Amino acid sequence: MALHKGPAEHEERTLSVNPFFGEANPVGGMTEAPPTHRLPDTPLPPSTAYQLVHDELMLDGNSRLNLATFVTTWMEPQAGVLMAECRDKNMIDKDEYPRTAELERRCVAMLADLWNAPDPAAAVGCSTTGSSEACMLAGMALKRRWATRNADRYPGARPNLVMGVNVQVCWEKFCNFWEVEARLVPMEGDRFHLDPQAAAELCDENTIGVVGVLGSTFDGSYEPVAELCAALDALQERTGLDVPVHVDAASGGMVAPFLDQDLVWDFRLPRVASINTSGHKYGLVYPGVGWALWRDREALPEELVFRVNYLGGDMPTFALNFSRPGAQVVAQYYTFLRLGRDGYRAVQQSTRDVAVSLAGRIAELGDFRLLTHGDQLPVFALTTADDVTSYDVFDVSRRLRESGWLVPAYTFPANREDLSVLRIVCRNGFSHDLADLFLADLARLLPALRRQPHPLTRDKEAATGFHH
């Protein structure tokens, strides 16, 4: 959630009410203009309130043209109907809504099977509000397991978590909130994610785990999880340190099982203790739903699971929040049921085909250099070619926005802060036809950009935002 401050003094104003939708107010005739930053004194007719909010939201960007977000922006109408039917069901009330709870349990079982848990029946998991909460829960389990093993030294010893500098910001939050030292493997040269050997070298007796990312936010590439586990196996042989791995598969967890079946990254690796994914990304569900799974009950300390009975029944819960709608979980089960393995494979392959094709055609324009090609996640990053000096990626992002396309431009983290890129996320619903339109708009703005005397975007942060 963004953190918002109260309104500045000059922001205080009233909303303009068009007489056409100002219905008669039984208290004072026509509807008065309501204030924007405090509760109005009197009610509005529902149609007037709707029209005021609807009109203001017209200024939002078109989500289907948002190539910055990983989040699903299209679902079938039938899924929308199911979600509307379940939006008043509180997911936490498992005794009152037992069938919704059962659908959640089935989704966990399906994911355990999809991710090759050694015994799917023994795997444990839960739905979350998204991958950020799922990562927090996985991190908490890693820390508690470490603390239990080191009870004679903790809390005197400070735990640490090893990960690449390219991890999503939720991992930085976890380390900050739960007082864990973040040990970051920096980028180097053309390596934009974690190096397995470098990660192993950062581990010590206070390391609670290592995070591998299946689908980096920065460029869409898979981190080498199997090589990471092998490096940690060698570390254990040398030192006796047994360091578990968590796989942040926010995006790749719903791509690799269908398109990269020979890639070993999941519970087939004994060192992988837990995995998370975002149902609302390549799981193809509207926001927000995520999933966290542990390979067995030993990987999730029992003392982290709370049981309450004041909603009826004996309800175990492991979450950072409590109440949330059941609609997204129901939509996830619908999508699993609707597509199956073959359907997911077809959808994800189509999305990857669009990404690879679009990346190749952008490279043919001659103005850009590809960092990735969309052949892992359907996501690719690019920067301007070395001989392009009249504009930069921030100019491109700004100009594309004028045509409705939302494409983030941003700098890479430490050790490669010199590298500024554009990132294009291809999702279900971004078709070859839309890719053609995007490419045409990009090609159309290049002549004007080439005529610039120099890059015009000086304030990089104001020019565009970086969105996960």
Protein backbone atom coordinates (compact mmCIF):
# COMPACT_ATOMS: atom_id res chain seq x y z
CA MET A 1 0.00 0.00 0.00
CA ALA A 2 1.24 3.49 -0.80
CA LEU A 3 1.64 5.77 2.20
CA HIS A 4 -0.43 8.93 1.84
CA LYS A 5 -0.27 12.20 3.74
CA GLY A 6 -3.20 14.48 4.41
CA PRO A 7 -4.18 17.07 1.79
CA ALA A 8 -2.20 20.26 1.40
CA GLU A 9 -4.14 23.44 2.12
CA HIS A 10 -4.43 24.31 -1.59
CA GLU A 11 -5.92 20.87 -2.35
CA GLU A 12 -9.11 21.51 -0.40
CA ARG A 13 -11.92 21.87 -2.93
CA THR A 14 -15.39 20.61 -3.82
CA LEU A 15 -16.44 18.28 -6.60
CA SER A 16 -18.38 19.80 -9.46
CA VAL A 17 -21.84 18.25 -9.82
CA ASN A 18 -23.32 18.38 -13.31
CA PRO A 19 -27.03 19.38 -13.08
CA PHE A 20 -27.84 16.46 -15.40
CA PHE A 21 -26.96 13.93 -12.68
CA GLY A 22 -27.79 16.03 -9.64
CA GLU A 23 -30.91 14.19 -8.49
CA ALA A 24 -33.36 15.87 -6.16
CA ASN A 25 -32.20 15.80 -2.56
CA PRO A 26 -35.09 15.44 -0.06
CA VAL A 27 -33.23 17.67 2.39
CA GLY A 28 -32.13 20.62 0.30
CA GLY A 29 -33.36 20.40 -3.31
CA MET A 30 -30.59 19.76 -5.86
CA THR A 31 -27.46 17.96 -4.66
CA GLU A 32 -24.77 20.25 -3.28
CA ALA A 33 -21.16 19.88 -4.37
CA PRO A 34 -19.41 17.53 -1.88
CA PRO A 35 -15.89 18.22 -0.53
CA THR A 36 -12.97 16.13 -1.73
CA HIS A 37 -10.98 15.63 1.48
CA ARG A 38 -13.56 15.38 4.24
CA LEU A 39 -16.84 13.57 4.68
CA PRO A 40 -19.79 15.49 3.24
CA ASP A 41 -22.46 16.58 5.71
CA THR A 42 -25.34 14.96 3.85
CA PRO A 43 -25.78 11.81 1.74
CA LEU A 44 -25.65 11.77 -2.07
CA PRO A 45 -28.05 9.86 -4.27
CA PRO A 46 -26.37 6.62 -5.39
CA SER A 47 -26.41 7.52 -9.09
CA THR A 48 -24.74 10.88 -8.39
CA ALA A 49 -22.05 9.34 -6.18
CA TYR A 50 -21.41 6.70 -8.84
CA GLN A 51 -21.08 9.24 -11.65
CA LEU A 52 -18.69 11.45 -9.68
CA VAL A 53 -16.38 8.54 -8.91
CA HIS A 54 -16.72 7.05 -12.40
CA ASP A 55 -15.81 10.31 -14.11
CA GLU A 56 -12.71 10.84 -11.99
CA LEU A 57 -11.51 7.30 -12.66
CA MET A 58 -11.61 7.96 -16.41
CA LEU A 59 -8.27 9.71 -15.92
CA ASP A 60 -6.59 6.46 -14.85
CA GLY A 61 -4.45 4.66 -17.39
CA ASN A 62 -5.89 1.76 -19.38
CA SER A 63 -4.85 -1.38 -17.49
CA ARG A 64 -4.74 -3.46 -20.68
CA LEU A 65 -2.10 -1.10 -22.09
CA ASN A 66 -0.04 -1.20 -18.89
CA LEU A 67 3.14 -3.02 -19.85
CA ALA A 68 4.68 -2.22 -16.45
CA THR A 69 2.53 -4.44 -14.26
CA PHE A 70 2.82 -8.19 -13.82
CA VAL A 71 -0.72 -8.27 -12.43
CA THR A 72 -3.58 -9.87 -14.39
CA THR A 73 -5.75 -7.32 -16.17
CA TRP A 74 -8.22 -9.62 -17.96
CA MET A 75 -10.37 -12.54 -16.90
CA GLU A 76 -13.39 -14.23 -18.43
CA PRO A 77 -16.83 -12.82 -17.58
CA GLN A 78 -17.72 -16.06 -15.76
CA ALA A 79 -14.82 -15.49 -13.36
CA GLY A 80 -16.09 -11.97 -12.73
CA VAL A 81 -19.53 -13.34 -11.88
CA LEU A 82 -18.06 -15.84 -9.41
CA MET A 83 -15.97 -13.13 -7.79
CA ALA A 84 -19.01 -10.88 -7.42
CA GLU A 85 -20.90 -13.76 -5.79
CA CYS A 86 -18.09 -14.28 -3.26
CA ARG A 87 -16.98 -10.74 -2.50
CA ASP A 88 -18.98 -10.69 0.75
CA LYS A 89 -17.47 -13.95 2.03
CA ASN A 90 -14.68 -13.49 4.55
CA MET A 91 -11.92 -15.95 3.72
CA ILE A 92 -10.96 -16.29 7.36
CA ASP A 93 -14.43 -17.58 8.38
CA LYS A 94 -13.71 -21.16 7.39
CA ASP A 95 -16.44 -22.60 9.59
CA GLU A 96 -19.10 -20.31 8.10
CA TYR A 97 -17.86 -20.74 4.52
CA PRO A 98 -16.59 -24.33 4.45
CA ARG A 99 -16.79 -24.75 0.67
CA THR A 100 -14.65 -21.65 0.09
CA ALA A 101 -12.13 -23.10 2.56
CA GLU A 102 -12.26 -26.40 0.69
CA LEU A 103 -11.47 -24.67 -2.61
CA GLU A 104 -8.45 -23.05 -0.95
CA ARG A 105 -7.29 -26.46 0.29
CA ARG A 106 -7.66 -27.91 -3.20
CA CYS A 107 -5.60 -25.08 -4.70
CA VAL A 108 -2.79 -25.78 -2.21
CA ALA A 109 -2.89 -29.48 -3.13
CA MET A 110 -2.80 -28.67 -6.84
CA LEU A 111 0.22 -26.40 -6.39
CA ALA A 112 2.02 -29.00 -4.26
CA ASP A 113 1.56 -31.49 -7.09
CA LEU A 114 2.51 -28.93 -9.75
CA TRP A 115 5.72 -28.06 -7.87
CA ASN A 116 6.66 -31.73 -7.35
CA ALA A 117 6.40 -31.95 -3.58
CA PRO A 118 7.83 -35.35 -2.55
CA ASP A 119 4.53 -36.11 -0.81
CA PRO A 120 1.83 -33.64 -1.90
CA ALA A 121 -0.37 -34.80 0.97
CA ALA A 122 2.36 -33.80 3.46
CA ALA A 123 2.95 -30.33 1.97
CA VAL A 124 1.34 -27.44 3.82
CA GLY A 125 0.35 -24.06 2.46
CA CYS A 126 -2.09 -21.19 2.46
CA SER A 127 -3.44 -18.40 0.33
CA THR A 128 -2.27 -14.84 0.96
CA THR A 129 -3.06 -11.35 -0.28
CA GLY A 130 -0.17 -11.67 -2.74
CA SER A 131 3.45 -12.73 -3.01
CA SER A 132 4.63 -10.00 -0.66
CA GLU A 133 2.71 -11.51 2.25
CA ALA A 134 3.71 -15.01 1.13
CA CYS A 135 7.38 -14.00 1.20
CA MET A 136 6.98 -12.51 4.67
CA LEU A 137 5.48 -15.77 5.93
CA ALA A 138 8.23 -17.84 4.32
CA GLY A 139 10.87 -15.56 5.82
CA MET A 140 9.28 -15.85 9.25
CA ALA A 141 9.39 -19.64 9.02
CA LEU A 142 13.06 -19.57 8.02
CA LYS A 143 13.92 -17.27 10.90
CA ARG A 144 12.00 -19.32 13.47
CA ARG A 145 13.62 -22.58 12.32
CA TRP A 146 17.05 -20.94 12.59
CA ALA A 147 16.24 -19.50 16.05
CA THR A 148 15.10 -22.91 17.30
CA ARG A 149 18.30 -24.57 16.07
CA ASN A 150 20.37 -21.80 17.68
CA ALA A 151 18.44 -21.33 20.91
CA ASP A 152 21.69 -21.16 22.88
CA ARG A 153 22.91 -18.18 20.81
CA TYR A 154 19.73 -16.34 19.85
CA PRO A 155 18.74 -13.51 20.40
CA GLY A 156 22.38 -12.54 20.94
CA ALA A 157 23.37 -13.55 17.40
CA ARG A 158 21.88 -11.55 14.54
CA PRO A 159 20.30 -13.65 11.78
CA ASN A 160 20.95 -12.90 8.13
CA LEU A 161 19.27 -13.69 4.81
CA VAL A 162 21.26 -14.05 1.57
CA MET A 163 19.74 -12.95 -1.75
CA GLY A 164 20.51 -11.14 -4.96
CA VAL A 165 20.30 -7.35 -5.05
CA ASN A 166 17.58 -7.80 -7.68
CA VAL A 167 14.97 -9.18 -5.24
CA GLN A 168 11.57 -7.55 -5.04
CA VAL A 169 11.21 -4.87 -2.35
CA CYS A 170 9.14 -7.19 -0.13
CA TRP A 171 12.36 -8.95 0.89
CA GLU A 172 13.93 -5.67 1.96
CA LYS A 173 10.79 -5.03 3.98
CA PHE A 174 11.01 -8.45 5.60
CA CYS A 175 14.60 -7.89 6.69
CA ASN A 176 13.74 -4.43 8.03
CA PHE A 177 10.54 -5.41 9.85
CA TRP A 178 11.89 -8.67 11.35
CA GLU A 179 15.40 -7.38 12.14
CA VAL A 180 17.29 -9.69 9.80
CA GLU A 181 20.53 -8.61 8.13
CA ALA A 182 20.13 -8.52 4.35
CA ARG A 183 23.22 -9.91 2.65
CA LEU A 184 22.96 -8.95 -1.00
CA VAL A 185 24.84 -10.48 -3.90
CA PRO A 186 25.54 -7.52 -6.21
CA MET A 187 25.07 -7.41 -9.97
CA GLU A 188 28.24 -7.62 -11.98
CA GLY A 189 28.76 -6.93 -15.68
CA ASP A 190 26.03 -8.67 -17.67
CA ARG A 191 24.96 -10.83 -14.70
CA PHE A 192 21.80 -9.17 -13.43
CA HIS A 193 20.86 -11.65 -10.71
CA LEU A 194 22.26 -13.86 -7.99
CA ASP A 195 25.50 -15.83 -8.51
CA PRO A 196 25.28 -19.22 -6.70
CA GLN A 197 28.88 -19.35 -5.55
CA ALA A 198 28.84 -15.74 -4.35
CA ALA A 199 25.66 -16.49 -2.40
CA ALA A 200 27.23 -19.53 -0.73
CA GLU A 201 30.26 -17.47 0.28
CA LEU A 202 28.02 -15.00 2.14
CA CYS A 203 26.48 -17.75 4.30
CA ASP A 204 27.54 -18.45 7.87
CA GLU A 205 26.10 -20.00 11.02
CA ASN A 206 23.63 -17.09 11.31
CA THR A 207 22.16 -17.47 7.82
CA ILE A 208 18.48 -18.36 8.01
CA GLY A 209 18.25 -19.14 4.30
CA VAL A 210 18.97 -18.08 0.74
CA VAL A 211 16.33 -16.67 -1.60
CA GLY A 212 16.35 -17.72 -5.25
CA VAL A 213 14.10 -15.81 -7.64
CA LEU A 214 12.36 -17.63 -10.47
CA GLY A 215 11.72 -14.63 -12.68
CA SER A 216 13.51 -11.43 -11.74
CA THR A 217 11.44 -8.28 -11.52
CA PHE A 218 14.20 -6.31 -13.21
CA ASP A 219 14.61 -8.28 -16.42
CA GLY A 220 12.42 -11.40 -16.37
CA SER A 221 15.31 -13.88 -16.09
CA TYR A 222 15.30 -17.06 -14.00
CA GLU A 223 17.89 -17.40 -11.27
CA PRO A 224 19.77 -20.76 -11.34
CA VAL A 225 18.05 -22.41 -8.38
CA ALA A 226 19.53 -25.88 -8.98
CA GLU A 227 23.06 -24.43 -9.16
CA LEU A 228 22.35 -22.46 -5.99
CA CYS A 229 21.31 -25.64 -4.17
CA ALA A 230 24.42 -27.42 -5.46
CA ALA A 231 26.64 -24.63 -4.14
CA LEU A 232 24.95 -24.90 -0.74
CA ASP A 233 25.32 -28.70 -0.80
CA ALA A 234 29.07 -28.20 -1.31
CA LEU A 235 29.10 -25.64 1.50
CA GLN A 236 27.49 -28.16 3.86
CA GLU A 237 30.06 -30.80 2.90
CA ARG A 238 32.88 -28.38 3.71
CA THR A 239 31.52 -26.67 6.82
CA GLY A 240 28.48 -28.60 8.08
CA LEU A 241 26.23 -25.55 7.53
CA ASP A 242 22.78 -26.66 6.37
CA VAL A 243 21.19 -23.61 4.74
CA PRO A 244 17.64 -23.93 3.33
CA VAL A 245 16.43 -22.24 0.16
CA HIS A 246 13.22 -20.35 -0.44
CA VAL A 247 12.18 -19.89 -4.06
CA ASP A 248 10.40 -16.63 -4.78
CA ALA A 249 8.45 -17.83 -7.80
CA ALA A 250 6.03 -14.90 -7.80
CA SER A 251 5.85 -15.06 -11.59
CA GLY A 252 7.87 -18.07 -12.71
CA GLY A 253 6.02 -20.51 -10.47
CA MET A 254 3.09 -20.36 -12.88
CA VAL A 255 5.19 -20.31 -16.06
CA ALA A 256 8.08 -22.78 -15.67
CA PRO A 257 5.95 -25.84 -14.75
CA PHE A 258 4.15 -25.55 -18.09
CA LEU A 259 6.82 -24.26 -20.47
CA ASP A 260 10.12 -25.35 -18.88
CA GLN A 261 9.34 -28.78 -17.53
CA ASP A 262 12.97 -29.94 -17.64
CA LEU A 263 14.08 -27.02 -15.48
CA VAL A 264 14.63 -28.26 -11.93
CA TRP A 265 13.88 -25.45 -9.49
CA ASP A 266 11.11 -26.70 -7.17
CA PHE A 267 10.59 -29.30 -4.42
CA ARG A 268 12.51 -31.84 -6.50
CA LEU A 269 15.52 -30.14 -4.91
CA PRO A 270 15.69 -31.38 -1.28
CA ARG A 271 17.17 -28.06 -0.15
CA VAL A 272 14.10 -26.10 -1.26
CA ALA A 273 12.05 -25.63 1.92
CA SER A 274 9.34 -23.30 0.62
CA ILE A 275 7.97 -21.65 -2.51
CA ASN A 276 5.64 -18.73 -3.12
CA THR A 277 3.78 -17.52 -6.18
CA SER A 278 1.33 -14.78 -7.13
CA GLY A 279 -2.00 -16.11 -8.28
CA HIS A 280 -2.72 -12.62 -9.54
CA LYS A 281 0.26 -12.59 -11.90
CA TYR A 282 0.80 -15.51 -14.26
CA GLY A 283 -1.68 -17.46 -12.15
CA LEU A 284 -4.18 -15.44 -14.25
CA VAL A 285 -6.39 -14.09 -11.44
CA TYR A 286 -7.32 -10.49 -10.68
CA PRO A 287 -5.47 -9.02 -7.65
CA GLY A 288 -4.94 -9.93 -4.94
CA VAL A 289 -4.09 -13.51 -4.20
CA GLY A 290 -0.80 -15.25 -3.53
CA TRP A 291 0.24 -18.69 -2.32
CA ALA A 292 2.89 -19.93 0.11
CA LEU A 293 3.81 -23.63 0.33
CA TRP A 294 6.22 -25.58 2.52
CA ARG A 295 7.53 -29.00 1.48
CA ASP A 296 6.36 -30.59 4.77
CA ARG A 297 5.18 -29.73 8.26
CA GLU A 298 8.74 -29.66 9.57
CA ALA A 299 9.51 -26.70 7.30
CA LEU A 300 6.72 -24.61 8.90
CA PRO A 301 7.17 -24.36 12.68
CA GLU A 302 3.94 -25.22 14.42
CA GLU A 303 4.28 -22.32 16.88
CA LEU A 304 3.74 -19.84 14.03
CA VAL A 305 0.27 -21.24 13.36
CA PHE A 306 -2.51 -19.70 15.47
CA ARG A 307 -5.80 -21.36 16.28
CA VAL A 308 -8.94 -19.43 17.12
CA ASN A 309 -12.45 -20.63 17.87
CA TYR A 310 -14.48 -17.43 18.17
CA LEU A 311 -15.61 -17.66 14.53
CA GLY A 312 -16.77 -21.22 15.12
CA GLY A 313 -14.78 -24.44 14.89
CA ASP A 314 -11.04 -24.89 15.39
CA MET A 315 -9.43 -22.65 12.80
CA PRO A 316 -5.66 -22.75 12.19
CA THR A 317 -4.35 -19.60 10.53
CA PHE A 318 -0.94 -18.36 9.40
CA ALA A 319 -1.18 -14.86 7.97
CA LEU A 320 -0.16 -11.26 8.56
CA ASN A 321 -3.72 -10.03 8.17
CA PHE A 322 -7.03 -11.56 9.17
CA SER A 323 -10.15 -10.69 7.19
CA ARG A 324 -10.09 -10.68 3.39
CA PRO A 325 -12.53 -11.62 0.64
CA GLY A 326 -12.79 -15.18 -0.64
CA ALA A 327 -13.42 -14.00 -4.19
CA GLN A 328 -9.82 -14.25 -5.42
CA VAL A 329 -9.33 -17.75 -4.01
CA VAL A 330 -12.53 -18.87 -5.72
CA ALA A 331 -11.31 -17.26 -8.94
CA GLN A 332 -8.00 -19.14 -8.64
CA TYR A 333 -9.81 -22.45 -8.29
CA TYR A 334 -12.04 -21.54 -11.24
CA THR A 335 -8.96 -20.81 -13.37
CA PHE A 336 -7.24 -24.07 -12.35
CA LEU A 337 -10.43 -25.96 -13.18
CA ARG A 338 -11.07 -24.03 -16.38
CA LEU A 339 -7.61 -24.35 -17.93
CA GLY A 340 -5.92 -27.42 -16.50
CA ARG A 341 -2.32 -28.14 -17.43
CA ASP A 342 -2.92 -28.04 -21.17
CA GLY A 343 -4.82 -24.76 -20.98
CA TYR A 344 -2.17 -23.07 -18.85
CA ARG A 345 0.52 -24.36 -21.20
CA ALA A 346 -1.29 -22.91 -24.22
CA VAL A 347 -1.89 -19.52 -22.57
CA GLN A 348 1.65 -19.14 -21.24
CA GLN A 349 3.19 -20.31 -24.53
CA SER A 350 1.14 -17.75 -26.44
CA THR A 351 2.28 -15.03 -24.05
CA ARG A 352 5.92 -16.06 -24.37
CA ASP A 353 5.60 -16.16 -28.17
CA VAL A 354 4.35 -12.55 -28.12
CA ALA A 355 7.23 -11.49 -25.87
CA VAL A 356 9.95 -13.17 -27.95
CA SER A 357 8.50 -11.86 -31.20
CA LEU A 358 8.12 -8.29 -29.92
CA ALA A 359 11.61 -8.27 -28.40
CA GLY A 360 13.12 -9.39 -31.70
CA ARG A 361 11.25 -6.78 -33.73
CA ILE A 362 12.25 -4.00 -31.34
CA ALA A 363 15.89 -5.07 -31.71
CA GLU A 364 15.50 -4.79 -35.49
CA LEU A 365 14.69 -1.08 -35.14
CA GLY A 366 18.39 -0.54 -34.43
CA ASP A 367 17.94 1.97 -31.61
CA PHE A 368 17.84 -0.53 -28.76
CA ARG A 369 19.90 -3.31 -27.20
CA LEU A 370 18.11 -6.22 -25.55
CA LEU A 371 19.22 -7.37 -22.10
CA THR A 372 16.76 -10.27 -22.08
CA HIS A 373 14.58 -11.73 -24.82
CA GLY A 374 11.32 -12.83 -23.15
CA ASP A 375 12.24 -16.51 -23.45
CA GLN A 376 12.04 -17.20 -19.70
CA LEU A 377 9.34 -15.03 -18.13
CA PRO A 378 7.37 -13.38 -20.97
CA VAL A 379 9.19 -10.21 -19.91
CA PHE A 380 12.18 -8.46 -21.44
CA ALA A 381 14.36 -5.47 -20.67
CA LEU A 382 16.12 -3.22 -23.15
CA THR A 383 18.24 -0.11 -23.19
CA THR A 384 19.25 2.35 -25.88
CA ALA A 385 22.04 1.31 -28.25
CA ASP A 386 25.52 2.68 -27.58
CA ASP A 387 25.36 5.10 -30.52
CA VAL A 388 22.06 6.66 -29.41
CA THR A 389 22.87 9.97 -27.73
CA SER A 390 19.89 12.21 -28.52
CA TYR A 391 17.43 10.51 -26.15
CA ASP A 392 17.32 7.96 -23.35
CA VAL A 393 14.89 5.35 -22.03
CA PHE A 394 13.14 7.94 -19.87
CA ASP A 395 12.30 9.98 -22.97
CA VAL A 396 10.92 6.84 -24.63
CA SER A 397 8.77 6.01 -21.60
CA ARG A 398 7.40 9.55 -21.44
CA ARG A 399 6.54 9.63 -25.14
CA LEU A 400 4.90 6.19 -25.10
CA ARG A 401 2.65 7.39 -22.29
CA GLU A 402 1.26 10.00 -24.67
CA SER A 403 -0.14 7.13 -26.74
CA GLY A 404 -1.55 5.35 -23.69
CA TRP A 405 1.25 2.80 -23.25
CA LEU A 406 2.65 2.51 -19.71
CA VAL A 407 6.25 1.25 -19.93
CA PRO A 408 8.53 1.76 -16.92
CA ALA A 409 12.01 3.20 -17.25
CA TYR A 410 14.37 2.77 -14.31
CA THR A 411 17.96 2.27 -13.27
CA PHE A 412 19.37 -1.04 -12.10
CA PRO A 413 20.56 -1.42 -8.47
CA ALA A 414 24.03 -1.18 -6.96
CA ASN A 415 27.02 -1.99 -9.17
CA ARG A 416 24.93 -1.38 -12.31
CA GLU A 417 23.29 1.93 -11.49
CA ASP A 418 24.83 3.17 -14.73
CA LEU A 419 22.33 1.03 -16.64
CA SER A 420 18.89 2.52 -17.38
CA VAL A 421 16.33 0.25 -19.02
CA LEU A 422 12.79 -0.14 -20.26
CA ARG A 423 10.95 -3.30 -19.22
CA ILE A 424 8.02 -4.76 -21.12
CA VAL A 425 5.76 -7.28 -19.38
CA CYS A 426 3.62 -9.41 -21.71
CA ARG A 427 0.55 -10.87 -20.05
CA ASN A 428 -2.46 -12.89 -21.12
CA GLY A 429 -4.57 -10.51 -23.17
CA PHE A 430 -1.60 -8.69 -24.71
CA SER A 431 -1.96 -10.25 -28.14
CA HIS A 432 0.16 -10.19 -31.29
CA ASP A 433 -2.27 -7.55 -32.59
CA LEU A 434 -1.70 -5.28 -29.59
CA ALA A 435 2.04 -5.91 -29.90
CA ASP A 436 1.83 -4.74 -33.53
CA LEU A 437 0.10 -1.54 -32.41
CA PHE A 438 2.70 -0.97 -29.71
CA LEU A 439 5.57 -1.47 -32.14
CA ALA A 440 3.96 0.93 -34.63
CA ASP A 441 3.63 3.61 -31.95
CA LEU A 442 7.22 3.06 -30.83
CA ALA A 443 8.54 3.31 -34.40
CA ARG A 444 6.46 6.42 -35.04
CA LEU A 445 7.98 8.38 -32.16
CA LEU A 446 11.61 7.48 -32.93
CA PRO A 447 12.22 10.07 -35.68
CA ALA A 448 11.28 12.93 -33.33
CA LEU A 449 13.43 11.46 -30.56
CA ARG A 450 16.39 11.15 -32.91
CA ARG A 451 16.13 14.87 -33.73
CA GLN A 452 16.47 15.91 -30.09
CA PRO A 453 19.72 17.73 -29.24
CA HIS A 454 20.09 15.61 -26.09
CA PRO A 455 17.95 13.58 -23.67
CA LEU A 456 15.22 15.89 -22.38
CA THR A 457 14.25 14.02 -19.24
CA ARG A 458 16.42 15.41 -16.49
CA ASP A 459 14.39 14.37 -13.44
CA LYS A 460 14.40 10.58 -13.80
CA GLU A 461 12.17 9.93 -10.80
CA ALA A 462 9.50 12.38 -11.95
CA ALA A 463 9.55 11.05 -15.48
CA THR A 464 8.17 7.63 -14.74
CA GLY A 465 7.55 5.23 -11.93
CA PHE A 466 8.84 1.70 -11.49
CA HIS A 467 6.00 -0.74 -10.91
CA HIS A 468 6.30 -4.39 -9.97
